[in-house]
């Protein structure tokens, strides 16, 4: 579907809402659709709800909620999410096709890596503070995944335990002269209240605790990051990955393997497919904005989207493996691949058994 065709689809949704008496507005001549901005989702976004809010006499968010069901049911649309004050983010069927799954399985953990920042030289500098250094390390990984050349420095040498426990490494420290041709960035997120606290957690839990919150938010360093239950986002991400790997092993025992084939956009896959297709954009955005927290939140979204799919992957009882089972297995494996690759960029392990 082209942007022009999608614009017509959006207008058709408005017209249907008007015909059904859910909106009282004049249908505009044009609906603007653009690639999603930061914090967006899917393939395209439209501000039509904000445009119609005043004539409709309703808040933009409410207008978006009225329009969403009409868009979800439109041909070629596989998912619609509302973000911000009322932007409608739309994922298209072409982005959710088996081709995306094939690409993920082909590229493996490097799916989403690109040359978007090739030729760019970035100098990342951090103060002598543990969270700043962990964010610097993850940001450097993201930038390198987009082919940027990265140099990292710090005011003073990292503490030995920061290197040993958190895997922190910088290229140089002290008074550093920055080349005028470099793109210089100082990483200065809101610090932890006391430096030693993150070291009370495991390496993976500590890194997640420092990377998952946005840079302006103060991280919570508590034992909650270690608990193995659904309330812990890191556990959900790693558990979802481990479950996908277990499904691959179990399917092999049953004598079948993954085949993307024709992937049905069932309710359980409605949110997963667009999230997988959106992964390359997330990596580029997180790298460009020096914001590994965007990747961490995206991984939580992928995990939450794949978990409902997993019970449907294997045949039940005397049921024989079918093309649908093979396609679902391919989709699950693709999700596991994205989770593993994303965790690696955050410097966190993705165990196959949990």
Foldseek 3Di string as FASTA:
>chain_A
DDQQVVFVLLLVLVVVCVVVVNFDDDRDPTWDWDQDDVVAFAGIKTQVLVVCCVVRVHFSQVSLVSSQVSSCPDPQWLDWDADDRHIIHTHGPVLLWLVLLVVLVVCFLLVLQELQPAPAEAEEEEEQALLLQLLSQLLVLLLVSNRYHYAYEYQDDHDPCSCVFQVGDHDYHHDDDDDPRHHYDYRQADGEPDRCLLVVDGNQLSLCQSQQDWRPDHGDRDCVSVDQDPVRLVNLLLVLLLLLLVVQVVVVVLPDAADQPGADSDVLCSQQSRLSSCLSVQSVVCNVVSRLNSLSVSSSSNSVSLVVLSVVQDDPDPDHDDNNNNSSSSSSNSSSSNSQSSSVSSVHHRDNHD
